[in-house]
């Protein structure tokens, strides 16, 4: 089943992509301290890195990992907090000369925000408010 030498790396990265948000959700649900920014950025960065690694490994491309890490981090943050420009400027400031990727990150943020709105019409900050309105 896993015959390619880097297949175990993909399995590990995919586990990290799914386990980081799960661990954060369990921590917040249990009343622990946590946030939205860091888990979103970490999961998105791993997702972007996994995509670039997959394309480089199996399709012979030469994608730059850091570019996809930044776009993935911004897109995931934009989708989770419903603020594409906040995610854009936060991620562009993470690295020197990050504004060179302004338009790719902007496109990723807008697409992810709109896709997240289609899946769930509320975000992490308005979920509690919507559940209170439905209950009353």
N, C-alpha and C. Protein backbone atom coordinates (compact mmCIF):
# COMPACT_ATOMS: atom_id res chain seq x y z
N UNK A 1 0.83 -1.19 0.00
CA UNK A 1 0.00 0.00 0.00
C UNK A 1 0.87 1.26 0.00
N UNK A 2 1.75 1.42 0.96
CA UNK A 2 2.65 2.57 1.01
C UNK A 2 4.01 2.15 0.46
N UNK A 3 4.18 2.27 -0.84
CA UNK A 3 5.40 1.80 -1.47
C UNK A 3 6.40 2.92 -1.74
N UNK A 4 5.94 4.13 -1.91
CA UNK A 4 6.84 5.24 -2.18
C UNK A 4 7.58 5.60 -0.90
N UNK A 5 8.89 5.93 -0.98
CA UNK A 5 9.65 6.23 0.25
C UNK A 5 9.09 7.38 1.07
N UNK A 6 8.47 8.36 0.42
CA UNK A 6 7.94 9.50 1.16
C UNK A 6 6.48 9.31 1.57
N UNK A 7 5.92 8.15 1.35
CA UNK A 7 4.53 7.92 1.71
C UNK A 7 4.29 8.05 3.20
N UNK A 8 5.26 7.63 4.00
CA UNK A 8 5.11 7.76 5.44
C UNK A 8 5.12 9.21 5.87
N UNK A 9 5.86 10.05 5.16
CA UNK A 9 5.85 11.49 5.44
C UNK A 9 4.47 12.06 5.18
N UNK A 10 3.82 11.63 4.10
CA UNK A 10 2.48 12.11 3.79
C UNK A 10 1.48 11.68 4.84
N UNK A 11 1.59 10.46 5.29
CA UNK A 11 0.67 9.97 6.33
C UNK A 11 0.86 10.78 7.61
N UNK A 12 2.10 11.04 7.97
CA UNK A 12 2.38 11.83 9.17
C UNK A 12 1.84 13.25 9.03
N UNK A 13 2.05 13.87 7.89
CA UNK A 13 1.56 15.24 7.68
C UNK A 13 0.04 15.29 7.68
N UNK A 14 -0.61 14.33 7.07
CA UNK A 14 -2.07 14.30 7.05
C UNK A 14 -2.61 14.10 8.46
N UNK A 15 -1.95 13.26 9.24
CA UNK A 15 -2.36 13.10 10.65
C UNK A 15 -2.24 14.42 11.40
N UNK A 16 -1.14 15.15 11.18
CA UNK A 16 -0.98 16.44 11.84
C UNK A 16 -2.05 17.44 11.42
N UNK A 17 -2.42 17.41 10.14
CA UNK A 17 -3.43 18.34 9.63
C UNK A 17 -4.76 18.11 10.34
N UNK A 18 -5.10 16.86 10.61
CA UNK A 18 -6.39 16.57 11.24
C UNK A 18 -6.32 16.56 12.76
N UNK A 19 -5.18 16.20 13.33
CA UNK A 19 -5.09 16.10 14.78
C UNK A 19 -4.93 17.45 15.47
N UNK A 20 -4.30 18.42 14.83
CA UNK A 20 -4.12 19.74 15.45
C UNK A 20 -5.46 20.42 15.71
N UNK A 21 -6.36 20.52 14.73
CA UNK A 21 -7.67 21.13 15.03
C UNK A 21 -8.49 20.29 16.01
N UNK A 22 -8.36 18.97 15.93
CA UNK A 22 -9.09 18.12 16.86
C UNK A 22 -8.62 18.34 18.30
N UNK A 23 -7.31 18.41 18.49
CA UNK A 23 -6.78 18.64 19.83
C UNK A 23 -7.18 20.02 20.35
N UNK A 24 -7.16 21.01 19.48
CA UNK A 24 -7.59 22.36 19.90
C UNK A 24 -9.06 22.38 20.25
N UNK A 25 -9.89 21.70 19.47
CA UNK A 25 -11.32 21.65 19.75
C UNK A 25 -11.61 20.96 21.08
N UNK A 26 -10.92 19.86 21.32
CA UNK A 26 -11.12 19.15 22.59
C UNK A 26 -10.67 20.00 23.77
N UNK A 27 -9.57 20.71 23.61
CA UNK A 27 -9.09 21.56 24.69
C UNK A 27 -10.06 22.69 24.98
N UNK A 28 -10.54 23.36 23.93
CA UNK A 28 -11.50 24.45 24.13
C UNK A 28 -12.82 23.94 24.68
N UNK A 29 -13.27 22.79 24.19
CA UNK A 29 -14.53 22.21 24.66
C UNK A 29 -14.47 21.78 26.11
N UNK A 30 -13.30 21.41 26.57
CA UNK A 30 -13.14 21.00 27.96
C UNK A 30 -12.91 22.18 28.89
N UNK A 31 -12.90 23.39 28.32
CA UNK A 31 -12.73 24.57 29.15
C UNK A 31 -11.30 25.03 29.29
N UNK A 32 -10.41 24.46 28.54
CA UNK A 32 -9.01 24.86 28.62
C UNK A 32 -8.73 26.13 27.85
N UNK A 33 -7.54 26.64 28.05
CA UNK A 33 -7.12 27.83 27.32
C UNK A 33 -6.71 27.42 25.91
N UNK A 34 -6.98 28.28 25.00
CA UNK A 34 -6.62 28.02 23.61
C UNK A 34 -7.11 29.17 22.77
N UNK A 35 -6.91 29.03 21.49
CA UNK A 35 -7.33 30.10 20.62
C UNK A 35 -7.69 29.58 19.26
N UNK A 36 -7.85 30.51 18.36
CA UNK A 36 -8.22 30.18 16.99
C UNK A 36 -7.05 30.46 16.06
N UNK A 37 -6.30 31.51 16.35
CA UNK A 37 -5.24 31.92 15.45
C UNK A 37 -4.17 30.84 15.26
N UNK A 38 -3.55 30.43 16.33
CA UNK A 38 -2.43 29.49 16.22
C UNK A 38 -2.84 28.15 15.62
N UNK A 39 -3.91 27.51 16.09
CA UNK A 39 -4.28 26.23 15.46
C UNK A 39 -4.63 26.37 13.98
N UNK A 40 -5.27 27.46 13.61
CA UNK A 40 -5.61 27.66 12.19
C UNK A 40 -4.36 27.84 11.35
N UNK A 41 -3.45 28.64 11.85
CA UNK A 41 -2.22 28.89 11.09
C UNK A 41 -1.39 27.62 10.97
N UNK A 42 -1.28 26.86 12.05
CA UNK A 42 -0.47 25.64 12.02
C UNK A 42 -1.09 24.60 11.09
N UNK A 43 -2.39 24.37 11.21
CA UNK A 43 -3.05 23.38 10.34
C UNK A 43 -2.98 23.80 8.88
N UNK A 44 -3.18 25.08 8.60
CA UNK A 44 -3.09 25.56 7.22
C UNK A 44 -1.68 25.48 6.66
N UNK A 45 -0.70 25.77 7.50
CA UNK A 45 0.69 25.66 7.05
C UNK A 45 1.04 24.21 6.70
N UNK A 46 0.61 23.28 7.53
CA UNK A 46 0.85 21.87 7.22
C UNK A 46 0.09 21.44 5.97
N UNK A 47 -1.10 21.95 5.79
CA UNK A 47 -1.88 21.62 4.59
C UNK A 47 -1.19 22.14 3.33
N UNK A 48 -0.73 23.39 3.36
CA UNK A 48 -0.02 23.95 2.21
C UNK A 48 1.28 23.21 1.93
N UNK A 49 2.01 22.87 2.98
CA UNK A 49 3.26 22.13 2.80
C UNK A 49 3.00 20.74 2.23
N UNK A 50 1.96 20.08 2.72
CA UNK A 50 1.62 18.74 2.22
C UNK A 50 1.24 18.79 0.75
N UNK A 51 0.48 19.79 0.35
CA UNK A 51 0.11 19.93 -1.06
C UNK A 51 1.33 20.13 -1.94
N UNK A 52 2.22 21.03 -1.53
CA UNK A 52 3.43 21.28 -2.33
C UNK A 52 4.33 20.05 -2.37
N UNK A 53 4.47 19.35 -1.25
CA UNK A 53 5.29 18.14 -1.22
C UNK A 53 4.69 17.05 -2.10
N UNK A 54 3.38 16.92 -2.07
CA UNK A 54 2.70 15.93 -2.91
C UNK A 54 2.93 16.23 -4.39
N UNK A 55 2.76 17.48 -4.78
CA UNK A 55 2.96 17.85 -6.19
C UNK A 55 4.41 17.67 -6.61
N UNK A 56 5.34 18.04 -5.76
CA UNK A 56 6.76 17.87 -6.10
C UNK A 56 7.15 16.40 -6.19
N UNK A 57 6.58 15.58 -5.34
CA UNK A 57 6.95 14.17 -5.31
C UNK A 57 6.33 13.38 -6.45
N UNK A 58 5.05 13.55 -6.66
CA UNK A 58 4.34 12.69 -7.59
C UNK A 58 4.13 13.29 -8.98
N UNK A 59 4.23 14.61 -9.11
CA UNK A 59 4.02 15.23 -10.41
C UNK A 59 5.28 15.86 -10.98
N UNK A 60 6.38 15.79 -10.26
CA UNK A 60 7.66 16.29 -10.76
C UNK A 60 7.74 17.80 -10.85
N UNK A 61 6.93 18.52 -10.10
CA UNK A 61 7.00 19.97 -10.12
C UNK A 61 8.11 20.44 -9.20
N UNK A 62 8.39 21.70 -9.22
CA UNK A 62 9.39 22.27 -8.31
C UNK A 62 8.78 23.46 -7.58
N UNK A 63 7.72 23.18 -6.85
CA UNK A 63 7.03 24.23 -6.11
C UNK A 63 7.86 24.64 -4.89
N UNK A 64 7.76 25.89 -4.53
CA UNK A 64 8.47 26.41 -3.37
C UNK A 64 7.59 26.19 -2.14
N UNK A 65 8.11 25.45 -1.19
CA UNK A 65 7.31 25.04 -0.03
C UNK A 65 6.83 26.24 0.79
N UNK A 66 7.68 27.22 1.01
CA UNK A 66 7.31 28.35 1.85
C UNK A 66 6.12 29.11 1.28
N UNK A 67 6.05 29.24 -0.03
CA UNK A 67 4.91 29.94 -0.64
C UNK A 67 3.60 29.24 -0.32
N UNK A 68 3.58 27.92 -0.40
CA UNK A 68 2.36 27.17 -0.15
C UNK A 68 2.06 27.11 1.34
N UNK A 69 3.07 27.13 2.17
CA UNK A 69 2.85 27.19 3.62
C UNK A 69 2.15 28.50 3.98
N UNK A 70 2.59 29.60 3.40
CA UNK A 70 1.99 30.90 3.70
C UNK A 70 0.56 31.00 3.17
N UNK A 71 0.33 30.55 1.95
CA UNK A 71 -1.02 30.60 1.40
C UNK A 71 -1.96 29.69 2.20
N UNK A 72 -1.50 28.51 2.56
CA UNK A 72 -2.34 27.60 3.35
C UNK A 72 -2.66 28.16 4.72
N UNK A 73 -1.67 28.76 5.37
CA UNK A 73 -1.90 29.35 6.69
C UNK A 73 -2.91 30.49 6.61
N UNK A 74 -2.75 31.35 5.62
CA UNK A 74 -3.67 32.49 5.48
C UNK A 74 -5.07 32.02 5.10
N UNK A 75 -5.17 31.06 4.22
CA UNK A 75 -6.48 30.58 3.78
C UNK A 75 -7.24 29.93 4.94
N UNK A 76 -6.57 29.13 5.72
CA UNK A 76 -7.23 28.48 6.85
C UNK A 76 -7.65 29.49 7.92
N UNK A 77 -6.78 30.45 8.19
CA UNK A 77 -7.13 31.49 9.16
C UNK A 77 -8.29 32.33 8.65
N UNK A 78 -8.28 32.67 7.38
CA UNK A 78 -9.36 33.45 6.79
C UNK A 78 -10.69 32.73 6.88
N UNK A 79 -10.68 31.43 6.62
CA UNK A 79 -11.92 30.66 6.68
C UNK A 79 -12.42 30.51 8.11
N UNK A 80 -11.53 30.38 9.07
CA UNK A 80 -11.99 30.12 10.44
C UNK A 80 -12.46 31.38 11.15
N UNK A 81 -11.87 32.54 10.86
CA UNK A 81 -12.30 33.75 11.56
C UNK A 81 -13.12 34.68 10.67
N UNK A 82 -13.32 34.31 9.43
CA UNK A 82 -14.14 35.07 8.49
C UNK A 82 -13.61 36.48 8.29
N UNK A 83 -12.28 36.59 8.18
CA UNK A 83 -11.64 37.89 8.01
C UNK A 83 -10.46 37.74 7.05
N UNK A 84 -10.71 37.80 5.75
CA UNK A 84 -9.63 37.55 4.79
C UNK A 84 -8.51 38.58 4.83
N UNK A 85 -8.83 39.84 5.07
CA UNK A 85 -7.77 40.85 5.06
C UNK A 85 -6.92 40.78 6.33
N UNK A 86 -7.53 40.42 7.43
CA UNK A 86 -6.75 40.21 8.65
C UNK A 86 -5.76 39.07 8.45
N UNK A 87 -6.24 37.97 7.89
CA UNK A 87 -5.36 36.83 7.64
C UNK A 87 -4.27 37.19 6.64
N UNK A 88 -4.63 37.96 5.62
CA UNK A 88 -3.67 38.37 4.60
C UNK A 88 -2.52 39.16 5.21
N UNK A 89 -2.83 40.18 5.98
CA UNK A 89 -1.78 41.02 6.53
C UNK A 89 -1.00 40.33 7.64
N UNK A 90 -1.66 39.49 8.43
CA UNK A 90 -0.93 38.75 9.45
C UNK A 90 0.10 37.81 8.84
N UNK A 91 -0.30 37.09 7.81
CA UNK A 91 0.61 36.11 7.20
C UNK A 91 1.68 36.80 6.36
N UNK A 92 1.35 37.87 5.69
CA UNK A 92 2.37 38.59 4.91
C UNK A 92 3.47 39.14 5.80
N UNK A 93 3.14 39.44 7.04
CA UNK A 93 4.15 39.97 7.96
C UNK A 93 4.95 38.89 8.68
N UNK A 94 4.64 37.63 8.44
CA UNK A 94 5.38 36.55 9.11
C UNK A 94 6.81 36.39 8.58
N UNK A 95 7.00 36.66 7.31
CA UNK A 95 8.31 36.46 6.69
C UNK A 95 8.79 37.77 6.07
N UNK A 96 10.11 37.93 5.95
CA UNK A 96 10.61 39.12 5.25
C UNK A 96 10.17 39.09 3.79
N UNK A 97 9.77 40.21 3.28
CA UNK A 97 9.31 40.35 1.89
C UNK A 97 8.09 39.45 1.63
N UNK A 98 7.24 39.28 2.63
CA UNK A 98 6.04 38.46 2.48
C UNK A 98 5.01 39.08 1.57
N UNK A 99 5.12 40.37 1.35
CA UNK A 99 4.16 41.04 0.48
C UNK A 99 4.39 40.73 -0.99
N UNK A 100 5.45 40.02 -1.31
CA UNK A 100 5.66 39.57 -2.70
C UNK A 100 4.58 38.55 -3.08
N UNK A 101 4.00 37.90 -2.09
CA UNK A 101 2.94 36.92 -2.33
C UNK A 101 1.56 37.51 -2.02
N UNK A 102 1.42 38.82 -2.08
CA UNK A 102 0.18 39.48 -1.70
C UNK A 102 -1.01 38.95 -2.48
N UNK A 103 -0.93 38.89 -3.79
CA UNK A 103 -2.08 38.48 -4.60
C UNK A 103 -2.40 36.99 -4.49
N UNK A 104 -1.40 36.08 -4.50
CA UNK A 104 -1.76 34.68 -4.28
C UNK A 104 -2.40 34.42 -2.91
N UNK A 105 -1.88 35.10 -1.89
CA UNK A 105 -2.46 34.93 -0.56
C UNK A 105 -3.86 35.53 -0.52
N UNK A 106 -4.05 36.67 -1.16
CA UNK A 106 -5.37 37.31 -1.21
C UNK A 106 -6.39 36.41 -1.90
N UNK A 107 -6.01 35.81 -3.00
CA UNK A 107 -6.92 34.91 -3.72
C UNK A 107 -7.26 33.70 -2.86
N UNK A 108 -6.25 33.13 -2.21
CA UNK A 108 -6.50 31.99 -1.33
C UNK A 108 -7.41 32.35 -0.17
N UNK A 109 -7.24 33.53 0.40
CA UNK A 109 -8.07 33.98 1.53
C UNK A 109 -9.52 34.18 1.11
N UNK A 110 -9.72 34.81 -0.03
CA UNK A 110 -11.09 35.08 -0.48
C UNK A 110 -11.81 33.79 -0.86
N UNK A 111 -11.11 32.89 -1.55
CA UNK A 111 -11.73 31.61 -1.92
C UNK A 111 -12.08 30.81 -0.67
N UNK A 112 -11.17 30.74 0.29
CA UNK A 112 -11.44 29.95 1.49
C UNK A 112 -12.56 30.55 2.32
N UNK A 113 -12.63 31.89 2.41
CA UNK A 113 -13.71 32.53 3.16
C UNK A 113 -15.06 32.23 2.53
N UNK A 114 -15.14 32.35 1.22
CA UNK A 114 -16.41 32.09 0.53
C UNK A 114 -16.81 30.62 0.61
N UNK A 115 -15.85 29.72 0.51
CA UNK A 115 -16.14 28.30 0.64
C UNK A 115 -16.60 27.96 2.05
N UNK A 116 -15.95 28.55 3.04
CA UNK A 116 -16.37 28.31 4.42
C UNK A 116 -17.76 28.84 4.69
N UNK A 117 -18.11 29.99 4.09
CA UNK A 117 -19.45 30.54 4.25
C UNK A 117 -20.51 29.64 3.62
N UNK A 118 -20.16 28.98 2.54
CA UNK A 118 -21.12 28.06 1.90
C UNK A 118 -21.31 26.80 2.73
N UNK A 119 -20.24 26.35 3.38
CA UNK A 119 -20.34 25.14 4.20
C UNK A 119 -21.07 25.43 5.50
N UNK A 120 -20.65 26.45 6.23
CA UNK A 120 -21.29 26.87 7.48
C UNK A 120 -21.48 28.38 7.44
N UNK A 121 -22.69 28.86 7.62
CA UNK A 121 -22.94 30.30 7.49
C UNK A 121 -22.43 31.13 8.68
N UNK A 122 -21.83 30.52 9.66
CA UNK A 122 -21.32 31.23 10.82
C UNK A 122 -19.85 30.85 11.01
N UNK A 123 -19.14 31.65 11.79
CA UNK A 123 -17.74 31.35 12.06
C UNK A 123 -17.57 31.02 13.54
N UNK A 124 -16.35 30.91 13.95
CA UNK A 124 -16.07 30.48 15.32
C UNK A 124 -16.53 31.51 16.35
N UNK A 125 -16.60 32.77 15.96
CA UNK A 125 -17.01 33.81 16.89
C UNK A 125 -18.52 34.00 16.93
N UNK A 126 -19.24 33.66 15.88
CA UNK A 126 -20.69 33.86 15.85
C UNK A 126 -21.47 32.58 16.08
N UNK A 127 -20.81 31.45 16.22
CA UNK A 127 -21.50 30.18 16.44
C UNK A 127 -22.31 30.20 17.72
N UNK A 128 -21.72 30.68 18.79
CA UNK A 128 -22.41 30.71 20.08
C UNK A 128 -23.62 31.65 20.02
N UNK A 129 -23.50 32.76 19.34
CA UNK A 129 -24.62 33.70 19.21
C UNK A 129 -25.76 33.10 18.43
N UNK A 130 -25.47 32.39 17.36
CA UNK A 130 -26.53 31.78 16.54
C UNK A 130 -27.23 30.68 17.31
N UNK A 131 -26.50 29.92 18.12
CA UNK A 131 -27.15 28.86 18.89
C UNK A 131 -28.05 29.44 19.97
N UNK A 132 -27.73 30.62 20.53
CA UNK A 132 -28.59 31.26 21.51
C UNK A 132 -29.86 31.80 20.87
N UNK A 133 -29.75 32.32 19.66
CA UNK A 133 -30.92 32.85 18.96
C UNK A 133 -31.88 31.73 18.61
N UNK A 134 -31.37 30.58 18.18
CA UNK A 134 -32.23 29.44 17.84
C UNK A 134 -32.91 28.86 19.07
N UNK A 135 -32.24 28.92 20.23
CA UNK A 135 -32.81 28.35 21.45
C UNK A 135 -33.96 29.21 22.00
N UNK A 136 -33.93 30.50 21.74
CA UNK A 136 -34.99 31.35 22.31
C UNK A 136 -36.13 31.61 21.35
